[in-house]
Amino acid sequence: ALCSLQEPVAFASIAFPRLARVARPRRRLFVDSSLVRGHAARAAAAQDELTVEDEAARLGLDPLFVQSLRETRSRQQDLESELADMSALSQKEVADKSKLLARLSEQLSVYEELAKAVDQLLEAEDIARSSNDEMAELAREEASELRQKLPELRNQVQLAMLPIDPLDEARAAILEIRPAAGGDEASLWADDLLNMYTRYCEMEGMACKPISVTKKEGGGITEASLSITGDEVYSKMKFESGVHRVQRVPTTETAGRIHTSTATVSLMPEPEESEVELDEKDIDFKYMRAGGKGGQNVNKVETKVHAVHIPTGIQVVCKQERSRLANKNIAIRILGAKLMQREMQAKNAQYSNLRRSQVGSGDRSEKVRTYNFKENRCSDHRLNENFSLANVIAGNLQEPVRLLRLMEQQERLQELEISM
């Protein structure tokens, strides 16, 4: 179709949208028809099957990326064929395959955008060398813009090809908050963190339901467990695992001295039934009276559940509900999450420094943030950046989380490049 064009401006409007905006329709600028045919031939050749090395050199990518993307295209076609007849698939298989197809399509979309930009750059450079002065100037401007665009497109392709952490797609997780160093002030601080995460979940459209919250007489909490559900729960919350330090003047302080207290946060993705095998025969259940507020039911009926996973020794106590069965089911859920976290940490020990870091493992030995009330400053020690304390305490964690996700992507990309 391009070879039949007689108007160079019409050709430019197809090949380069920006040229169409600048070109004057009243001026008749002619381009040799053989040049137009050359552009079309080059565009067609780009779609032909090249060797992996040639395609990698053309796009400025590592050959391993190109080979992987070719396999991705083949896998995409297979998935489309399988999903065309869903009668032979279970509901879970349809969901899993559809999710995988969406991810593969996203990878190929970025790859095709890069290939298209490279083709446009080659055509613009050819026009700049072969056309008259006005068309050449426009083509050089177009080529300059495309050269600036290519590095970002290559980076997007590489990020899209990074292996995804299956846990990042978890739609349910259990968040545990416990006071650490600091006595009564640590309990008050743990309660503040509980309120902060509750507000953050509301802003992100995630459902947050208390599983167990033990209030302390005089204020604060001794422990809290929250069940959080929603899209990408683990991905949005995993960076909160660790030690959170607060520096402020406690309400009980009469001399106005600043105290330093800490609380620990741990996030455990809830496994699906097929991910963790948990046999109730391996769990030792003990039942007792919960005590405290709640009337005669909690004081006379043994609703409190103490569950011990015999093979690992992991213990869970649950007394939030008024029913023994409800507390037992919650204890089993928490045990499953703790077992999944244990398996995840064992695997992470074999990975890179990124995977062994606080960000990836949920290990609580590392200080992740300091909250300084006097200076209205929240310092994230992984990012080496400060944020408004008032905003963070109000639940506005979106910006720190966004930056931490970018940092994780870049570190994983560097590791991938080193491994290549």
Foldseek 3Di string as FASTA:
>chain_A
DQLPDFAVLVSCCVLPVVSVVVDDPVDGFGDDSVLSVVLVVVVVVLPDDDDLVVVCVLLVHDSVLSVVLVVLVVVLVVLVVCLVDCPVPDPVRNVVSVVSNVLSVVLVVLVVVSSSLSSSLVSLVSCLVGGDDVSNVVSVVSNVVSVVVSVVSNVVNLLSPQDDDVLQFFFKKKKKKAWDPDPPVSQQVSVLVVQLQVLLCVVVVKDKAWQDWAADPPGGTGMTMIMIGDGRVCLQCLLQFAKEKEWAQDPPDPVRHIDITIMGMFMFRFDDPVPDDDDCVQKDKDWAQQDDDDPPLSVPPGQWIWIARNVVRDIDIGDPDSHNVVRVVVRSRVVRRVVRLVVQQVVLVPDDPLCNDCSNRSDHPDHQWYQYPVVQWIAGPVVRDIDGNVCSSSNNCVVVSVVVVVVSSVVSSVVVVVVD
